[in-house]
């Protein structure tokens, strides 16, 4: 029987930078994938929209409660 295992690579270093968002190698000059950069940039905007929606819903519920008491 022959040993059919492949030899181990001599150089196991990774090329490129590691993306801080997804943790995978990124070959872009900035070191972050474009789709990850968009996701990172959209996060504060999405949080702001969610907060505004939550505040609007609370205002509507409180106005309904005041109207119901009258």
PDB file of N, CA and C in Angstrom:
ATOM      1  N   UNK A   1       0.836  -1.188   0.000  1.00  0.00           N
ATOM      2  CA  UNK A   1       0.000   0.000   0.000  1.00  0.00           C
ATOM      3  C   UNK A   1       0.874   1.242   0.000  1.00  0.00           C
ATOM      4  N   UNK A   2       0.518   2.159  -0.832  1.00  0.00           N
ATOM      5  CA  UNK A   2       1.227   3.438  -0.888  1.00  0.00           C
ATOM      6  C   UNK A   2       0.581   4.457   0.027  1.00  0.00           C
ATOM      7  N   UNK A   3       1.365   5.382   0.509  1.00  0.00           N
ATOM      8  CA  UNK A   3       0.838   6.471   1.324  1.00  0.00           C
ATOM      9  C   UNK A   3       0.389   7.581   0.373  1.00  0.00           C
ATOM     10  N   UNK A   4      -0.912   7.813   0.264  1.00  0.00           N
ATOM     11  CA  UNK A   4      -1.462   8.779  -0.684  1.00  0.00           C
ATOM     12  C   UNK A   4      -1.819  10.110  -0.046  1.00  0.00           C
ATOM     13  N   UNK A   5      -1.242  10.441   1.070  1.00  0.00           N
ATOM     14  CA  UNK A   5      -1.553  11.722   1.699  1.00  0.00           C
ATOM     15  C   UNK A   5      -0.801  12.840   1.001  1.00  0.00           C
ATOM     16  N   UNK A   6      -1.408  13.989   0.962  1.00  0.00           N
ATOM     17  CA  UNK A   6      -0.779  15.149   0.336  1.00  0.00           C
ATOM     18  C   UNK A   6       0.194  15.786   1.319  1.00  0.00           C
ATOM     19  N   UNK A   7       1.269  16.346   0.813  1.00  0.00           N
ATOM     20  CA  UNK A   7       2.214  17.003   1.717  1.00  0.00           C
ATOM     21  C   UNK A   7       1.620  18.291   2.279  1.00  0.00           C
ATOM     22  N   UNK A   8       2.057  18.661   3.465  1.00  0.00           N
ATOM     23  CA  UNK A   8       1.596  19.894   4.093  1.00  0.00           C
ATOM     24  C   UNK A   8       2.242  21.090   3.406  1.00  0.00           C
ATOM     25  N   UNK A   9       1.527  22.198   3.278  1.00  0.00           N
ATOM     26  CA  UNK A   9       2.121  23.387   2.665  1.00  0.00           C
ATOM     27  C   UNK A   9       3.236  23.940   3.547  1.00  0.00           C
ATOM     28  N   UNK A  10       4.277  24.464   2.892  1.00  0.00           N
ATOM     29  CA  UNK A  10       5.404  25.015   3.630  1.00  0.00           C
ATOM     30  C   UNK A  10       5.072  26.364   4.242  1.00  0.00           C
ATOM     31  N   UNK A  11       4.310  27.167   3.520  1.00  0.00           N
ATOM     32  CA  UNK A  11       3.978  28.512   3.973  1.00  0.00           C
ATOM     33  C   UNK A  11       2.482  28.559   4.277  1.00  0.00           C
ATOM     34  N   UNK A  12       2.127  28.665   5.533  1.00  0.00           N
ATOM     35  CA  UNK A  12       0.709  28.659   5.910  1.00  0.00           C
ATOM     36  C   UNK A  12       0.191  30.047   6.265  1.00  0.00           C
ATOM     37  N   UNK A  13       0.950  31.089   5.938  1.00  0.00           N
ATOM     38  CA  UNK A  13       0.479  32.438   6.247  1.00  0.00           C
ATOM     39  C   UNK A  13      -0.645  32.818   5.304  1.00  0.00           C
ATOM     40  N   UNK A  14      -1.562  33.622   5.789  1.00  0.00           N
ATOM     41  CA  UNK A  14      -2.672  34.075   4.963  1.00  0.00           C
ATOM     42  C   UNK A  14      -2.281  35.361   4.252  1.00  0.00           C
ATOM     43  N   UNK A  15      -2.839  35.550   3.103  1.00  0.00           N
ATOM     44  CA  UNK A  15      -2.586  36.759   2.330  1.00  0.00           C
ATOM     45  C   UNK A  15      -3.736  37.727   2.534  1.00  0.00           C
ATOM     46  N   UNK A  16      -3.440  38.976   2.481  1.00  0.00           N
ATOM     47  CA  UNK A  16      -4.473  39.984   2.662  1.00  0.00           C
ATOM     48  C   UNK A  16      -4.727  40.254   4.128  1.00  0.00           C
ATOM     49  N   UNK A  17      -5.679  41.095   4.359  1.00  0.00           N
ATOM     50  CA  UNK A  17      -6.037  41.482   5.720  1.00  0.00           C
ATOM     51  C   UNK A  17      -7.308  40.758   6.132  1.00  0.00           C
ATOM     52  N   UNK A  18      -7.535  40.661   7.410  1.00  0.00           N
ATOM     53  CA  UNK A  18      -8.751  40.043   7.918  1.00  0.00           C
ATOM     54  C   UNK A  18      -9.816  41.121   8.086  1.00  0.00           C
ATOM     55  N   UNK A  19     -10.985  40.866   7.523  1.00  0.00           N
ATOM     56  CA  UNK A  19     -12.100  41.809   7.608  1.00  0.00           C
ATOM     57  C   UNK A  19     -12.569  41.893   9.059  1.00  0.00           C
ATOM     58  N   UNK A  20     -12.689  43.099   9.625  1.00  0.00           N
ATOM     59  CA  UNK A  20     -13.107  43.221  11.022  1.00  0.00           C
ATOM     60  C   UNK A  20     -14.582  42.877  11.246  1.00  0.00           C
ATOM     61  N   UNK A  21     -15.377  42.852  10.182  1.00  0.00           N
ATOM     62  CA  UNK A  21     -16.807  42.576  10.319  1.00  0.00           C
ATOM     63  C   UNK A  21     -17.084  41.070  10.293  1.00  0.00           C
ATOM     64  N   UNK A  22     -16.614  40.384   9.227  1.00  0.00           N
ATOM     65  CA  UNK A  22     -16.936  38.968   9.068  1.00  0.00           C
ATOM     66  C   UNK A  22     -15.800  38.040   9.477  1.00  0.00           C
ATOM     67  N   UNK A  23     -14.572  38.558   9.614  1.00  0.00           N
ATOM     68  CA  UNK A  23     -13.446  37.745  10.047  1.00  0.00           C
ATOM     69  C   UNK A  23     -12.782  36.937   8.951  1.00  0.00           C
ATOM     70  N   UNK A  24     -13.200  37.111   7.699  1.00  0.00           N
ATOM     71  CA  UNK A  24     -12.595  36.384   6.580  1.00  0.00           C
ATOM     72  C   UNK A  24     -11.528  37.254   5.936  1.00  0.00           C
ATOM     73  N   UNK A  25     -10.676  36.620   5.131  1.00  0.00           N
ATOM     74  CA  UNK A  25      -9.640  37.381   4.440  1.00  0.00           C
ATOM     75  C   UNK A  25     -10.267  38.350   3.454  1.00  0.00           C
ATOM     76  N   UNK A  26      -9.716  39.547   3.410  1.00  0.00           N
ATOM     77  CA  UNK A  26     -10.188  40.567   2.482  1.00  0.00           C
ATOM     78  C   UNK A  26      -8.999  41.057   1.674  1.00  0.00           C
ATOM     79  N   UNK A  27      -9.158  41.085   0.372  1.00  0.00           N
ATOM     80  CA  UNK A  27      -8.078  41.522  -0.497  1.00  0.00           C
ATOM     81  C   UNK A  27      -8.260  42.960  -0.954  1.00  0.00           C
ATOM     82  N   UNK A  28      -9.234  43.643  -0.412  1.00  0.00           N
ATOM     83  CA  UNK A  28      -9.435  45.042  -0.776  1.00  0.00           C
ATOM     84  C   UNK A  28      -8.376  45.897  -0.081  1.00  0.00           C
ATOM     85  N   UNK A  29      -8.043  47.046  -0.658  1.00  0.00           N
ATOM     86  CA  UNK A  29      -7.005  47.902  -0.065  1.00  0.00           C
ATOM     87  C   UNK A  29      -7.345  48.369   1.353  1.00  0.00           C
ATOM     88  N   UNK A  30      -8.609  48.555   1.644  1.00  0.00           N
ATOM     89  CA  UNK A  30      -9.012  49.033   2.968  1.00  0.00           C
ATOM     90  C   UNK A  30      -9.025  47.908   4.002  1.00  0.00           C
ATOM     91  N   UNK A  31      -8.975  46.653   3.559  1.00  0.00           N
ATOM     92  CA  UNK A  31      -8.990  45.529   4.483  1.00  0.00           C
ATOM     93  C   UNK A  31     -10.372  45.139   4.949  1.00  0.00           C
ATOM     94  N   UNK A  32     -11.409  45.646   4.302  1.00  0.00           N
ATOM     95  CA  UNK A  32     -12.790  45.326   4.659  1.00  0.00           C
ATOM     96  C   UNK A  32     -13.559  45.090   3.361  1.00  0.00           C
ATOM     97  N   UNK A  33     -14.400  44.066   3.347  1.00  0.00           N
ATOM     98  CA  UNK A  33     -15.193  43.781   2.153  1.00  0.00           C
ATOM     99  C   UNK A  33     -16.166  44.931   1.893  1.00  0.00           C
ATOM    100  N   UNK A  34     -16.450  45.234   0.636  1.00  0.00           N
ATOM    101  CA  UNK A  34     -17.407  46.313   0.339  1.00  0.00           C
ATOM    102  C   UNK A  34     -18.783  46.069   0.959  1.00  0.00           C
ATOM    103  N   UNK A  35     -19.260  44.830   0.906  1.00  0.00           N
ATOM    104  CA  UNK A  35     -20.578  44.539   1.473  1.00  0.00           C
ATOM    105  C   UNK A  35     -20.561  44.667   2.993  1.00  0.00           C
ATOM    106  N   UNK A  36     -19.437  44.360   3.625  1.00  0.00           N
ATOM    107  CA  UNK A  36     -19.321  44.519   5.077  1.00  0.00           C
ATOM    108  C   UNK A  36     -19.255  45.996   5.448  1.00  0.00           C
ATOM    109  N   UNK A  37     -18.595  46.800   4.602  1.00  0.00           N
ATOM    110  CA  UNK A  37     -18.524  48.239   4.852  1.00  0.00           C
ATOM    111  C   UNK A  37     -19.912  48.863   4.773  1.00  0.00           C
ATOM    112  N   UNK A  38     -20.707  48.419   3.813  1.00  0.00           N
ATOM    113  CA  UNK A  38     -22.078  48.926   3.684  1.00  0.00           C
ATOM    114  C   UNK A  38     -22.893  48.539   4.913  1.00  0.00           C
ATOM    115  N   UNK A  39     -22.741  47.291   5.347  1.00  0.00           N
ATOM    116  CA  UNK A  39     -23.467  46.822   6.533  1.00  0.00           C
ATOM    117  C   UNK A  39     -23.067  47.636   7.763  1.00  0.00           C
ATOM    118  N   UNK A  40     -21.781  47.920   7.895  1.00  0.00           N
ATOM    119  CA  UNK A  40     -21.290  48.691   9.038  1.00  0.00           C
ATOM    120  C   UNK A  40     -21.803  50.129   8.979  1.00  0.00           C
ATOM    121  N   UNK A  41     -21.852  50.714   7.785  1.00  0.00           N
ATOM    122  CA  UNK A  41     -22.313  52.092   7.642  1.00  0.00           C
ATOM    123  C   UNK A  41     -23.819  52.202   7.863  1.00  0.00           C
ATOM    124  N   UNK A  42     -24.561  51.161   7.501  1.00  0.00           N
ATOM    125  CA  UNK A  42     -26.017  51.192   7.642  1.00  0.00           C
ATOM    126  C   UNK A  42     -26.488  50.930   9.070  1.00  0.00           C
ATOM    127  N   UNK A  43     -25.664  50.351   9.900  1.00  0.00           N
ATOM    128  CA  UNK A  43     -26.084  49.982  11.258  1.00  0.00           C
ATOM    129  C   UNK A  43     -26.598  51.175  12.067  1.00  0.00           C
ATOM    130  N   UNK A  44     -25.890  52.317  12.129  1.00  0.00           N
ATOM    131  CA  UNK A  44     -26.419  53.452  12.900  1.00  0.00           C
ATOM    132  C   UNK A  44     -27.719  54.006  12.316  1.00  0.00           C
ATOM    133  N   UNK A  45     -27.810  54.024  10.993  1.00  0.00           N
ATOM    134  CA  UNK A  45     -29.021  54.530  10.344  1.00  0.00           C
ATOM    135  C   UNK A  45     -30.203  53.622  10.648  1.00  0.00           C
ATOM    136  N   UNK A  46     -29.989  52.312  10.594  1.00  0.00           N
ATOM    137  CA  UNK A  46     -31.067  51.372  10.894  1.00  0.00           C
ATOM    138  C   UNK A  46     -31.501  51.474  12.352  1.00  0.00           C
ATOM    139  N   UNK A  47     -30.557  51.683  13.263  1.00  0.00           N
ATOM    140  CA  UNK A  47     -30.896  51.844  14.682  1.00  0.00           C
ATOM    141  C   UNK A  47     -31.724  53.105  14.884  1.00  0.00           C
ATOM    142  N   UNK A  48     -31.335  54.192  14.201  1.00  0.00           N
ATOM    143  CA  UNK A  48     -32.069  55.447  14.323  1.00  0.00           C
ATOM    144  C   UNK A  48     -33.499  55.277  13.807  1.00  0.00           C
ATOM    145  N   UNK A  49     -33.661  54.609  12.666  1.00  0.00           N
ATOM    146  CA  UNK A  49     -34.997  54.381  12.119  1.00  0.00           C
ATOM    147  C   UNK A  49     -35.844  53.522  13.057  1.00  0.00           C
ATOM    148  N   UNK A  50     -35.242  52.499  13.655  1.00  0.00           N
ATOM    149  CA  UNK A  50     -35.974  51.640  14.584  1.00  0.00           C
ATOM    150  C   UNK A  50     -36.393  52.418  15.825  1.00  0.00           C
ATOM    151  N   UNK A  51     -35.509  53.283  16.331  1.00  0.00           N
ATOM    152  CA  UNK A  51     -35.842  54.101  17.502  1.00  0.00           C
ATOM    153  C   UNK A  51     -36.989  55.066  17.192  1.00  0.00           C
ATOM    154  N   UNK A  52     -36.944  55.687  16.000  1.00  0.00           N
ATOM    155  CA  UNK A  52     -38.021  56.605  15.607  1.00  0.00           C
ATOM    156  C   UNK A  52     -39.344  55.864  15.479  1.00  0.00           C
ATOM    157  N   UNK A  53     -39.307  54.668  14.907  1.00  0.00           N
ATOM    158  CA  UNK A  53     -40.527  53.880  14.745  1.00  0.00           C
ATOM    159  C   UNK A  53     -41.091  53.483  16.113  1.00  0.00           C
ATOM    160  N   UNK A  54     -40.205  53.091  17.031  1.00  0.00           N
ATOM    161  CA  UNK A  54     -40.631  52.712  18.380  1.00  0.00           C
ATOM    162  C   UNK A  54     -41.245  53.907  19.102  1.00  0.00           C
ATOM    163  N   UNK A  55     -40.625  55.092  18.963  1.00  0.00           N
ATOM    164  CA  UNK A  55     -41.141  56.298  19.615  1.00  0.00           C
ATOM    165  C   UNK A  55     -42.502  56.683  19.031  1.00  0.00           C
ATOM    166  N   UNK A  56     -42.647  56.568  17.713  1.00  0.00           N
ATOM    167  CA  UNK A  56     -43.916  56.890  17.056  1.00  0.00           C
ATOM    168  C   UNK A  56     -45.014  55.949  17.547  1.00  0.00           C
ATOM    169  N   UNK A  57     -44.674  54.666  17.687  1.00  0.00           N
ATOM    170  CA  UNK A  57     -45.653  53.684  18.149  1.00  0.00           C
ATOM    171  C   UNK A  57     -46.071  53.977  19.589  1.00  0.00           C
ATOM    172  N   UNK A  58     -45.118  54.349  20.436  1.00  0.00           N
ATOM    173  CA  UNK A  58     -45.440  54.689  21.826  1.00  0.00           C
ATOM    174  C   UNK A  58     -46.327  55.925  21.903  1.00  0.00           C
ATOM    175  N   UNK A  59     -46.043  56.931  21.061  1.00  0.00           N
ATOM    176  CA  UNK A  59     -46.881  58.140  21.036  1.00  0.00           C
ATOM    177  C   UNK A  59     -48.303  57.799  20.620  1.00  0.00           C
ATOM    178  N   UNK A  60     -48.445  56.938  19.605  1.00  0.00           N
ATOM    179  CA  UNK A  60     -49.778  56.552  19.143  1.00  0.00           C
ATOM    180  C   UNK A  60     -50.530  55.782  20.228  1.00  0.00           C
ATOM    181  N   UNK A  61     -49.827  54.876  20.912  1.00  0.00           N
ATOM    182  CA  UNK A  61     -50.474  54.098  21.971  1.00  0.00           C
ATOM    183  C   UNK A  61     -50.880  54.992  23.136  1.00  0.00           C
ATOM    184  N   UNK A  62     -50.043  55.952  23.482  1.00  0.00           N
ATOM    185  CA  UNK A  62     -50.382  56.839  24.598  1.00  0.00           C
ATOM    186  C   UNK A  62     -51.534  57.767  24.221  1.00  0.00           C
ATOM    187  N   UNK A  63     -51.592  58.204  22.969  1.00  0.00           N
ATOM    188  CA  UNK A  63     -52.704  59.064  22.555  1.00  0.00           C
ATOM    189  C   UNK A  63     -54.010  58.271  22.509  1.00  0.00           C
ATOM    190  N   UNK A  64     -53.933  56.996  22.148  1.00  0.00           N
ATOM    191  CA  UNK A  64     -55.125  56.148  22.156  1.00  0.00           C
ATOM    192  C   UNK A  64     -55.606  55.923  23.586  1.00  0.00           C
ATOM    193  N   UNK A  65     -54.669  55.765  24.510  1.00  0.00           N
ATOM    194  CA  UNK A  65     -55.035  55.545  25.910  1.00  0.00           C
ATOM    195  C   UNK A  65     -55.691  56.789  26.489  1.00  0.00           C
ATOM    196  N   UNK A  66     -55.192  57.973  26.146  1.00  0.00           N
ATOM    197  CA  UNK A  66     -55.769  59.226  26.635  1.00  0.00           C
ATOM    198  C   UNK A  66     -57.158  59.407  26.041  1.00  0.00           C
ATOM    199  N   UNK A  67     -57.328  59.096  24.767  1.00  0.00           N
ATOM    200  CA  UNK A  67     -58.621  59.230  24.105  1.00  0.00           C
ATOM    201  C   UNK A  67     -59.627  58.245  24.703  1.00  0.00           C
ATOM    202  N   UNK A  68     -59.189  57.053  25.042  1.00  0.00           N
ATOM    203  CA  UNK A  68     -60.087  56.040  25.600  1.00  0.00           C
ATOM    204  C   UNK A  68     -60.561  56.424  27.002  1.00  0.00           C
ATOM    205  N   UNK A  69     -59.757  57.163  27.770  1.00  0.00           N
ATOM    206  CA  UNK A  69     -60.128  57.560  29.128  1.00  0.00           C
ATOM    207  C   UNK A  69     -61.177  58.661  29.128  1.00  0.00           C
ATOM    208  N   UNK A  70     -61.286  59.403  28.082  1.00  0.00           N
ATOM    209  CA  UNK A  70     -62.236  60.523  28.035  1.00  0.00           C
ATOM    210  C   UNK A  70     -63.629  60.074  27.854  1.00  0.00           C
TER     211      UNK A  70
END
